[in-house]
Amino acid sequence: MTAAPGSPAMLVLTPSYRPDHALCVELNRSVLRLAPPSVRHALVVPPADLDLFRPLAGPRTTVQDARAVVPRPLRKVPGLNLWLDPRAPFPPVRGWVAQQVVKLAAVAAADADLVLLADSDLVFVRPFGPRTFAPDGAVPLYRREGAVSAHLPRHVRWHEVARRLLGLPPGAEAARPDYVCWPCLWEPAVVRRMLARVEAVTGLPWAAAVGRELHVSEMVLYGVYLDEVEGRERPVPHTDDMRCPAYSDEAPLDHDGLAAFLARVRLRDVAVMVSAKSGTALDLRRRLIADRVPG
């Protein structure tokens, strides 16, 4: 990957699957249209969906079988959204956790300086590149201070699991930072060091250690590692703005609801995310984003 002189090389990474194909097509088009030519888009999909996604492959887009990304000996269970590690088949690795393993493995193997994780239900609406998210060369970690407390029990559990995987003492704070964002910027070199620590702490291959967890967040794992492990040795810059308004509720937006959401988009925003789980109509989403968010 060749970036502009003085600019870090960046890869956009999207694990996707058949139900999100139409959304992923929109995302891919936006990457190719709005990112500089040096930015590539990597799609990682289940083996059964390869033929559906292959037409997206091109000079700047790769489509890869998830089986080639997930570390051995994890194996996909045919016809089910599960993966198995023959050394420890129970509990099986559920699809949502396996997708996190895919992200971690793909970023760790990336030949870029920066990887921008973008799920299929995100779409870029304005030009962007490495300097959009790391304007002064320093790579910020998304951190929303004090946003996680008892009212978000899953987030609290993700923090607890991350600390255990990283060999850190349990957290006692009533409020903890939130690291979950859309899109999400990672440094592959940091991911490689983080996974090495997970292996050293657990005594297991990192994919087995992460995959056996029933509740885990790759973004919380990365954030806790960077803040509380590497942050002891060097300053970690932070941001609480990924320039992407997000709608994550699991209820569809109608015309007025989507218009009201898009009215929040600022001139500095470069993307929007309307969760696939919301069931918002694709044609409505496409039309209103084009109408209400001029590039």
Foldseek 3Di string as FASTA:
>chain_A
DDDDVPFFQEEEEEEDEDVLLVLQVQALVQCVVAEPPRYAYEYEYAPVCCVVCVVSDDPRYYYHHLVVQQDPPWDDDPPAQWIAHVVDRPPTQGNVLSVLSSVLSVLLPDPTQKYWYAYSQKHWFHHDYRCLQVVPVAHAQAKDAQPDAPVNVLQLVQLQLLCQLQVHDRDDDRGGIDRDDHTGMDGSVLSVVLQVSSCVRPVDRSSVSSRNDPRHDSRSNSVCCVCPPVVVVDPHHHDNDPLEAEADDQAEDDLVRVLVSLVPRDPSRTMYGYDVSNVYDPVSVVVNSCVRRHD
